[in-house]
């Protein structure tokens, strides 16, 4: 079956081509992002697991986007075939809808996963920061019996004549 290019099929060909290009760009970007994970994150099991899952989700979305980019112009080229077999047209149309819905769900899952992972990491960082700040306070208190830190913003240990 030769490819028809006329005023009725050109929009589907252009749209499918754009989707294919976006799928390729998305896959390349996902691969580069995964390869650029720093060694410290690579050593952290949770960071590596999150990055691997994110990479798989993003590659799946890229692949599905590419498939949709092929199915749209393909179905547009097969309009005479679909006129003779309306059931196959319904299968083609439903497959596109299912792929698009699955892509949306994968993107939503990726967003939620990244949000949850980031929240956990921020919590860990806040906990580490509070431990380090407490260690600094103990260090300053052990030096002279009280803190001389300017950064902690606590001037309660100073009186009008100077430090207590």
N, C-alpha and C. Protein backbone atom coordinates (compact mmCIF):
# COMPACT_ATOMS: atom_id res chain seq x y z
N UNK A 1 0.85 -1.17 0.00
CA UNK A 1 0.00 0.00 0.00
C UNK A 1 0.90 1.24 0.00
N UNK A 2 0.84 2.02 -1.06
CA UNK A 2 1.68 3.23 -1.13
C UNK A 2 1.17 4.31 -0.18
N UNK A 3 2.09 5.13 0.26
CA UNK A 3 1.74 6.23 1.17
C UNK A 3 1.15 7.36 0.34
N UNK A 4 -0.05 7.79 0.76
CA UNK A 4 -0.69 8.93 0.11
C UNK A 4 -0.30 10.20 0.85
N UNK A 5 0.11 11.19 0.11
CA UNK A 5 0.38 12.50 0.71
C UNK A 5 -0.46 13.50 -0.06
N UNK A 6 -1.50 13.95 0.59
CA UNK A 6 -2.35 14.99 0.00
C UNK A 6 -2.84 15.89 1.14
N UNK A 7 -3.74 16.78 0.83
CA UNK A 7 -4.21 17.76 1.81
C UNK A 7 -4.91 17.09 2.99
N UNK A 8 -5.47 15.91 2.79
CA UNK A 8 -6.19 15.25 3.89
C UNK A 8 -5.26 14.43 4.78
N UNK A 9 -4.16 13.95 4.25
CA UNK A 9 -3.26 13.10 5.05
C UNK A 9 -2.06 13.85 5.60
N UNK A 10 -1.76 15.01 5.07
CA UNK A 10 -0.58 15.75 5.50
C UNK A 10 -0.60 16.12 6.99
N UNK A 11 -1.72 16.60 7.55
CA UNK A 11 -1.70 16.92 8.99
C UNK A 11 -1.36 15.72 9.87
N UNK A 12 -1.90 14.54 9.55
CA UNK A 12 -1.59 13.35 10.34
C UNK A 12 -0.13 12.96 10.20
N UNK A 13 0.43 13.09 8.99
CA UNK A 13 1.84 12.78 8.80
C UNK A 13 2.74 13.74 9.57
N UNK A 14 2.39 15.01 9.52
CA UNK A 14 3.19 16.01 10.26
C UNK A 14 3.08 15.77 11.77
N UNK A 15 1.85 15.57 12.26
CA UNK A 15 1.64 15.35 13.69
C UNK A 15 2.35 14.08 14.16
N UNK A 16 2.25 13.01 13.37
CA UNK A 16 2.94 11.76 13.72
C UNK A 16 4.45 11.94 13.72
N UNK A 17 4.95 12.69 12.76
CA UNK A 17 6.40 12.95 12.71
C UNK A 17 6.86 13.75 13.91
N UNK A 18 6.08 14.74 14.29
CA UNK A 18 6.42 15.54 15.47
C UNK A 18 6.42 14.66 16.72
N UNK A 19 5.43 13.79 16.85
CA UNK A 19 5.40 12.88 18.00
C UNK A 19 6.60 11.94 18.01
N UNK A 20 7.00 11.46 16.85
CA UNK A 20 8.19 10.60 16.77
C UNK A 20 9.45 11.35 17.19
N UNK A 21 9.60 12.56 16.71
CA UNK A 21 10.77 13.37 17.08
C UNK A 21 10.77 13.64 18.59
N UNK A 22 9.59 13.98 19.14
CA UNK A 22 9.50 14.20 20.59
C UNK A 22 9.83 12.93 21.38
N UNK A 23 9.40 11.78 20.87
CA UNK A 23 9.70 10.51 21.54
C UNK A 23 11.20 10.25 21.55
N UNK A 24 11.87 10.52 20.44
CA UNK A 24 13.32 10.32 20.36
C UNK A 24 14.04 11.29 21.29
N UNK A 25 13.63 12.55 21.28
CA UNK A 25 14.26 13.54 22.16
C UNK A 25 14.04 13.16 23.62
N UNK A 26 12.84 12.72 23.94
CA UNK A 26 12.53 12.32 25.32
C UNK A 26 13.36 11.12 25.75
N UNK A 27 13.52 10.14 24.89
CA UNK A 27 14.33 8.96 25.23
C UNK A 27 15.80 9.33 25.42
N UNK A 28 16.31 10.18 24.54
CA UNK A 28 17.71 10.61 24.66
C UNK A 28 17.91 11.41 25.95
N UNK A 29 16.96 12.29 26.26
CA UNK A 29 17.07 13.09 27.49
C UNK A 29 17.01 12.20 28.72
N UNK A 30 16.14 11.20 28.71
CA UNK A 30 16.04 10.27 29.86
C UNK A 30 17.35 9.50 30.03
N UNK A 31 17.93 9.07 28.92
CA UNK A 31 19.19 8.33 28.99
C UNK A 31 20.33 9.21 29.51
N UNK A 32 20.39 10.42 29.01
CA UNK A 32 21.44 11.34 29.48
C UNK A 32 21.27 11.67 30.96
N UNK A 33 20.04 11.87 31.37
CA UNK A 33 19.78 12.18 32.78
C UNK A 33 20.19 11.01 33.66
N UNK A 34 19.87 9.79 33.24
CA UNK A 34 20.23 8.62 34.04
C UNK A 34 21.74 8.43 34.09
N UNK A 35 22.42 8.66 32.98
CA UNK A 35 23.87 8.49 32.95
C UNK A 35 24.60 9.57 33.75
N UNK A 36 23.96 10.72 33.93
CA UNK A 36 24.62 11.82 34.62
C UNK A 36 24.41 11.79 36.13
N UNK A 37 23.84 10.71 36.66
CA UNK A 37 23.67 10.59 38.10
C UNK A 37 25.04 10.58 38.76
N UNK A 38 25.23 11.45 39.75
CA UNK A 38 26.54 11.57 40.37
C UNK A 38 26.88 10.32 41.19
N UNK A 39 28.17 10.06 41.40
CA UNK A 39 28.61 8.85 42.10
C UNK A 39 28.05 8.74 43.52
N UNK A 40 27.87 9.86 44.21
CA UNK A 40 27.32 9.80 45.57
C UNK A 40 25.89 9.28 45.53
N UNK A 41 25.10 9.74 44.56
CA UNK A 41 23.73 9.26 44.43
C UNK A 41 23.71 7.81 43.96
N UNK A 42 24.67 7.44 43.13
CA UNK A 42 24.74 6.07 42.63
C UNK A 42 25.03 5.10 43.77
N UNK A 43 25.77 5.54 44.77
CA UNK A 43 26.09 4.69 45.92
C UNK A 43 24.90 4.56 46.86
N UNK A 44 24.00 5.53 46.87
CA UNK A 44 22.82 5.50 47.73
C UNK A 44 21.77 4.59 47.09
N UNK A 45 21.39 3.52 47.81
CA UNK A 45 20.46 2.56 47.24
C UNK A 45 19.12 3.18 46.87
N UNK A 46 18.58 4.03 47.75
CA UNK A 46 17.26 4.62 47.46
C UNK A 46 17.34 5.57 46.27
N UNK A 47 18.41 6.32 46.15
CA UNK A 47 18.56 7.24 45.01
C UNK A 47 18.72 6.46 43.71
N UNK A 48 19.50 5.39 43.76
CA UNK A 48 19.69 4.58 42.55
C UNK A 48 18.39 3.89 42.16
N UNK A 49 17.66 3.37 43.13
CA UNK A 49 16.39 2.72 42.85
C UNK A 49 15.38 3.71 42.26
N UNK A 50 15.32 4.90 42.85
CA UNK A 50 14.43 5.94 42.31
C UNK A 50 14.82 6.31 40.89
N UNK A 51 16.11 6.49 40.65
CA UNK A 51 16.58 6.87 39.31
C UNK A 51 16.30 5.78 38.29
N UNK A 52 16.48 4.52 38.68
CA UNK A 52 16.21 3.41 37.75
C UNK A 52 14.73 3.32 37.40
N UNK A 53 13.88 3.45 38.42
CA UNK A 53 12.44 3.41 38.16
C UNK A 53 11.99 4.59 37.31
N UNK A 54 12.52 5.76 37.61
CA UNK A 54 12.18 6.96 36.83
C UNK A 54 12.62 6.78 35.38
N UNK A 55 13.78 6.23 35.18
CA UNK A 55 14.30 6.00 33.84
C UNK A 55 13.39 5.05 33.07
N UNK A 56 12.99 3.94 33.72
CA UNK A 56 12.09 2.99 33.05
C UNK A 56 10.75 3.63 32.70
N UNK A 57 10.18 4.41 33.62
CA UNK A 57 8.91 5.07 33.34
C UNK A 57 9.04 6.03 32.16
N UNK A 58 10.10 6.80 32.16
CA UNK A 58 10.28 7.79 31.10
C UNK A 58 10.57 7.14 29.74
N UNK A 59 11.29 6.03 29.75
CA UNK A 59 11.50 5.32 28.49
C UNK A 59 10.19 4.71 27.98
N UNK A 60 9.36 4.20 28.89
CA UNK A 60 8.06 3.67 28.48
C UNK A 60 7.19 4.75 27.86
N UNK A 61 7.18 5.91 28.49
CA UNK A 61 6.40 7.02 27.93
C UNK A 61 6.94 7.41 26.56
N UNK A 62 8.25 7.45 26.41
CA UNK A 62 8.85 7.78 25.12
C UNK A 62 8.46 6.76 24.06
N UNK A 63 8.52 5.48 24.42
CA UNK A 63 8.16 4.42 23.47
C UNK A 63 6.69 4.52 23.07
N UNK A 64 5.83 4.74 24.05
CA UNK A 64 4.40 4.86 23.74
C UNK A 64 4.12 6.08 22.89
N UNK A 65 4.82 7.17 23.15
CA UNK A 65 4.66 8.37 22.34
C UNK A 65 5.07 8.09 20.89
N UNK A 66 6.15 7.34 20.72
CA UNK A 66 6.58 6.96 19.39
C UNK A 66 5.57 6.05 18.69
N UNK A 67 5.00 5.11 19.44
CA UNK A 67 3.98 4.22 18.86
C UNK A 67 2.75 5.01 18.42
N UNK A 68 2.32 5.94 19.27
CA UNK A 68 1.19 6.80 18.88
C UNK A 68 1.56 7.63 17.65
N UNK A 69 2.79 8.09 17.60
CA UNK A 69 3.26 8.86 16.45
C UNK A 69 3.26 8.04 15.16
N UNK A 70 3.36 6.73 15.28
CA UNK A 70 3.27 5.86 14.10
C UNK A 70 1.82 5.50 13.80
N UNK A 71 1.04 5.22 14.85
CA UNK A 71 -0.34 4.78 14.65
C UNK A 71 -1.24 5.84 14.03
N UNK A 72 -1.03 7.10 14.38
CA UNK A 72 -1.92 8.15 13.85
C UNK A 72 -1.80 8.27 12.33
N UNK A 73 -0.62 8.47 11.76
CA UNK A 73 -0.56 8.54 10.30
C UNK A 73 -0.86 7.20 9.62
N UNK A 74 -0.52 6.10 10.30
CA UNK A 74 -0.83 4.79 9.73
C UNK A 74 -2.34 4.61 9.58
N UNK A 75 -3.07 4.95 10.63
CA UNK A 75 -4.53 4.85 10.56
C UNK A 75 -5.12 5.80 9.54
N UNK A 76 -4.52 6.96 9.41
CA UNK A 76 -5.00 7.92 8.43
C UNK A 76 -4.79 7.41 7.01
N UNK A 77 -3.72 6.66 6.79
CA UNK A 77 -3.45 6.09 5.47
C UNK A 77 -4.38 4.91 5.16
N UNK A 78 -4.95 4.32 6.20
CA UNK A 78 -5.77 3.12 6.02
C UNK A 78 -7.27 3.42 6.06
N UNK A 79 -7.67 4.63 5.73
CA UNK A 79 -9.09 4.99 5.84
C UNK A 79 -9.98 4.13 4.95
N UNK A 80 -9.55 3.76 3.75
CA UNK A 80 -10.36 2.91 2.87
C UNK A 80 -10.48 1.50 3.46
N UNK A 81 -9.40 1.03 4.06
CA UNK A 81 -9.41 -0.28 4.71
C UNK A 81 -10.38 -0.26 5.90
N UNK A 82 -10.38 0.83 6.68
CA UNK A 82 -11.26 0.94 7.83
C UNK A 82 -12.73 1.09 7.42
N UNK A 83 -13.00 1.68 6.27
CA UNK A 83 -14.38 1.79 5.80
C UNK A 83 -14.98 0.41 5.55
N UNK A 84 -14.17 -0.52 5.08
CA UNK A 84 -14.64 -1.87 4.83
C UNK A 84 -14.72 -2.69 6.11
N UNK A 85 -13.93 -2.30 7.13
CA UNK A 85 -13.88 -3.05 8.40
C UNK A 85 -13.97 -2.06 9.57
N UNK A 86 -15.15 -1.61 9.91
CA UNK A 86 -15.29 -0.61 10.97
C UNK A 86 -14.84 -1.12 12.35
N UNK A 87 -14.87 -2.42 12.57
CA UNK A 87 -14.41 -2.96 13.84
C UNK A 87 -12.92 -2.73 14.04
N UNK A 88 -12.16 -2.84 12.96
CA UNK A 88 -10.72 -2.59 13.06
C UNK A 88 -10.43 -1.11 13.32
N UNK A 89 -11.28 -0.24 12.76
CA UNK A 89 -11.12 1.18 13.05
C UNK A 89 -11.31 1.44 14.54
N UNK A 90 -12.30 0.77 15.13
CA UNK A 90 -12.55 0.92 16.56
C UNK A 90 -11.36 0.40 17.38
N UNK A 91 -10.78 -0.71 16.97
CA UNK A 91 -9.60 -1.25 17.65
C UNK A 91 -8.44 -0.26 17.55
N UNK A 92 -8.21 0.30 16.36
CA UNK A 92 -7.14 1.28 16.16
C UNK A 92 -7.36 2.50 17.05
N UNK A 93 -8.58 3.02 17.04
CA UNK A 93 -8.89 4.21 17.83
C UNK A 93 -8.75 3.95 19.33
N UNK A 94 -9.27 2.81 19.78
CA UNK A 94 -9.16 2.46 21.21
C UNK A 94 -7.70 2.25 21.62
N UNK A 95 -6.91 1.67 20.74
CA UNK A 95 -5.49 1.46 21.08
C UNK A 95 -4.78 2.79 21.27
N UNK A 96 -5.11 3.78 20.45
CA UNK A 96 -4.51 5.10 20.61
C UNK A 96 -4.96 5.72 21.94
N UNK A 97 -6.25 5.63 22.24
CA UNK A 97 -6.75 6.18 23.50
C UNK A 97 -6.12 5.49 24.71
N UNK A 98 -6.00 4.17 24.65
CA UNK A 98 -5.40 3.44 25.76
C UNK A 98 -3.93 3.86 25.95
N UNK A 99 -3.20 3.99 24.85
CA UNK A 99 -1.80 4.41 24.95
C UNK A 99 -1.67 5.82 25.53
N UNK A 100 -2.54 6.72 25.10
CA UNK A 100 -2.48 8.09 25.60
C UNK A 100 -2.84 8.13 27.09
N UNK A 101 -3.86 7.39 27.47
CA UNK A 101 -4.24 7.35 28.90
C UNK A 101 -3.12 6.74 29.72
N UNK A 102 -2.50 5.67 29.21
CA UNK A 102 -1.39 5.04 29.92
C UNK A 102 -0.21 6.00 30.06
N UNK A 103 0.07 6.78 29.01
CA UNK A 103 1.15 7.77 29.09
C UNK A 103 0.85 8.81 30.16
N UNK A 104 -0.39 9.26 30.22
CA UNK A 104 -0.77 10.25 31.23
C UNK A 104 -0.61 9.66 32.63
N UNK A 105 -1.04 8.41 32.80
CA UNK A 105 -0.89 7.76 34.11
C UNK A 105 0.58 7.57 34.48
N UNK A 106 1.40 7.22 33.51
CA UNK A 106 2.84 7.07 33.78
C UNK A 106 3.47 8.42 34.14
N UNK A 107 3.09 9.45 33.44
CA UNK A 107 3.62 10.78 33.74
C UNK A 107 3.17 11.23 35.13
N UNK A 108 1.92 10.98 35.47
CA UNK A 108 1.42 11.32 36.80
C UNK A 108 2.15 10.51 37.87
N UNK A 109 2.34 9.23 37.61
CA UNK A 109 3.10 8.39 38.55
C UNK A 109 4.52 8.87 38.72
N UNK A 110 5.15 9.30 37.63
CA UNK A 110 6.51 9.83 37.69
C UNK A 110 6.55 11.09 38.55
N UNK A 111 5.57 11.95 38.33
CA UNK A 111 5.52 13.20 39.10
C UNK A 111 5.31 12.90 40.58
N UNK A 112 4.36 12.01 40.90
CA UNK A 112 4.09 11.68 42.31
C UNK A 112 5.29 11.00 42.95
N UNK A 113 5.93 10.12 42.22
CA UNK A 113 7.10 9.43 42.75
C UNK A 113 8.24 10.41 43.04
N UNK A 114 8.46 11.32 42.12
CA UNK A 114 9.51 12.32 42.31
C UNK A 114 9.17 13.24 43.47
N UNK A 115 7.90 13.61 43.60
CA UNK A 115 7.47 14.46 44.70
C UNK A 115 7.69 13.76 46.04
N UNK A 116 7.29 12.49 46.13
CA UNK A 116 7.45 11.73 47.37
C UNK A 116 8.93 11.52 47.71
N UNK A 117 9.73 11.16 46.71
CA UNK A 117 11.15 10.96 46.94
C UNK A 117 11.82 12.25 47.40
N UNK A 118 11.47 13.36 46.76
CA UNK A 118 12.05 14.66 47.15
C UNK A 118 11.65 15.04 48.56
N UNK A 119 10.41 14.77 48.94
CA UNK A 119 9.96 15.08 50.30
C UNK A 119 10.73 14.27 51.33
N UNK A 120 10.96 13.00 51.03
CA UNK A 120 11.73 12.14 51.95
C UNK A 120 13.16 12.64 52.05
N UNK A 121 13.76 12.97 50.92
CA UNK A 121 15.14 13.46 50.94
C UNK A 121 15.26 14.79 51.67
N UNK A 122 14.28 15.69 51.49
CA UNK A 122 14.30 16.95 52.24
C UNK A 122 14.19 16.70 53.73
N UNK A 123 13.38 15.75 54.11
CA UNK A 123 13.25 15.40 55.53
C UNK A 123 14.56 14.87 56.08
N UNK A 124 15.23 14.01 55.32
CA UNK A 124 16.53 13.49 55.74
C UNK A 124 17.55 14.62 55.87
N UNK A 125 17.54 15.56 54.92
CA UNK A 125 18.47 16.69 54.98
C UNK A 125 18.18 17.58 56.18
N UNK A 126 16.91 17.83 56.47
CA UNK A 126 16.56 18.63 57.65
C UNK A 126 17.04 17.94 58.93
N UNK A 127 16.87 16.63 58.99
CA UNK A 127 17.32 15.89 60.17
C UNK A 127 18.84 15.96 60.30
N UNK A 128 19.57 15.77 59.20
CA UNK A 128 21.02 15.87 59.24
C UNK A 128 21.47 17.27 59.63
N UNK A 129 20.78 18.28 59.12
CA UNK A 129 21.12 19.65 59.47
C UNK A 129 20.92 19.90 60.95
N UNK A 130 19.79 19.44 61.49
CA UNK A 130 19.55 19.66 62.92
C UNK A 130 20.59 18.92 63.77
N UNK A 131 21.01 17.73 63.34
CA UNK A 131 22.06 17.01 64.07
C UNK A 131 23.37 17.79 64.04
N UNK A 132 23.72 18.32 62.87
CA UNK A 132 24.96 19.10 62.76
C UNK A 132 24.88 20.39 63.57
N UNK A 133 23.73 21.05 63.55
CA UNK A 133 23.59 22.28 64.35
C UNK A 133 23.70 21.97 65.83
N UNK A 134 23.14 20.85 66.26
CA UNK A 134 23.25 20.46 67.66
C UNK A 134 24.70 20.14 68.02
N UNK A 135 25.41 19.51 67.12
CA UNK A 135 26.81 19.21 67.36
C UNK A 135 27.63 20.51 67.47
N UNK A 136 27.32 21.48 66.63
CA UNK A 136 28.01 22.77 66.70
C UNK A 136 27.71 23.45 68.03
N UNK A 137 26.45 23.42 68.47
CA UNK A 137 26.09 24.02 69.76
C UNK A 137 26.84 23.36 70.91
N UNK A 138 26.92 22.01 70.86
CA UNK A 138 27.64 21.30 71.93
C UNK A 138 29.12 21.65 71.91
N UNK A 139 29.68 21.80 70.72
CA UNK A 139 31.09 22.16 70.60
C UNK A 139 31.35 23.54 71.18
N UNK A 140 30.50 24.50 70.82
CA UNK A 140 30.69 25.86 71.34
C UNK A 140 30.46 25.90 72.85
N UNK A 141 29.50 25.15 73.34
CA UNK A 141 29.23 25.12 74.77
C UNK A 141 30.39 24.48 75.54
N UNK A 142 31.03 23.49 74.93
CA UNK A 142 32.14 22.83 75.62
C UNK A 142 33.41 23.66 75.61
N UNK A 143 33.55 24.59 74.68
CA UNK A 143 34.76 25.41 74.61
C UNK A 143 34.88 26.33 75.80
N UNK A 144 33.85 27.08 76.12
CA UNK A 144 33.93 28.05 77.21
C UNK A 144 32.77 27.95 78.18
N UNK A 145 32.06 26.88 78.07
CA UNK A 145 30.94 26.75 78.96
C UNK A 145 29.67 27.40 78.43
N UNK A 146 29.75 28.12 77.34
CA UNK A 146 28.57 28.71 76.70
C UNK A 146 28.91 29.02 75.24
N UNK A 147 27.92 29.30 74.46
CA UNK A 147 28.10 29.48 73.01
C UNK A 147 28.55 30.90 72.69
N UNK A 148 29.50 31.02 71.74
CA UNK A 148 29.92 32.32 71.23
C UNK A 148 29.53 32.46 69.76
N UNK A 149 28.66 31.59 69.30
CA UNK A 149 28.29 31.59 67.89
C UNK A 149 27.48 32.82 67.53
N UNK A 150 27.88 33.48 66.46
CA UNK A 150 27.14 34.64 65.96
C UNK A 150 26.02 34.18 65.05
N UNK A 151 26.21 33.02 64.41
CA UNK A 151 25.26 32.55 63.40
C UNK A 151 23.95 32.02 63.99
N UNK A 152 23.94 31.59 65.26
CA UNK A 152 22.72 30.97 65.75
C UNK A 152 21.65 31.98 66.11
N UNK A 153 21.96 33.26 66.14
CA UNK A 153 20.96 34.31 66.36
C UNK A 153 20.44 34.37 67.78
N UNK A 154 21.01 33.59 68.68
CA UNK A 154 20.55 33.57 70.07
C UNK A 154 21.48 34.45 70.89
N UNK A 155 21.03 35.64 71.24
CA UNK A 155 21.83 36.57 72.04
C UNK A 155 21.43 36.55 73.51
N UNK A 156 20.68 35.52 73.93
CA UNK A 156 20.19 35.50 75.31
C UNK A 156 21.30 35.31 76.32
N UNK A 157 22.44 34.80 75.91
CA UNK A 157 23.54 34.59 76.84
C UNK A 157 24.40 35.86 77.01
N UNK A 158 24.05 36.92 76.29
CA UNK A 158 24.75 38.19 76.43
C UNK A 158 23.93 39.11 77.35
N UNK A 159 24.63 39.84 78.20
CA UNK A 159 23.98 40.86 79.04
C UNK A 159 24.45 42.22 78.57
N UNK A 160 24.01 43.27 79.24
CA UNK A 160 24.40 44.61 78.85
C UNK A 160 25.90 44.85 79.09
N UNK A 161 26.54 44.06 79.98
CA UNK A 161 27.98 44.23 80.23
C UNK A 161 28.81 43.31 79.35
N UNK A 162 28.19 42.51 78.48
CA UNK A 162 28.93 41.58 77.64
C UNK A 162 28.44 40.19 77.89
N UNK A 163 29.22 39.19 77.50
CA UNK A 163 28.80 37.80 77.70
C UNK A 163 28.68 37.47 79.17
N UNK A 164 27.77 36.59 79.51
CA UNK A 164 27.55 36.18 80.89
C UNK A 164 28.75 35.43 81.41
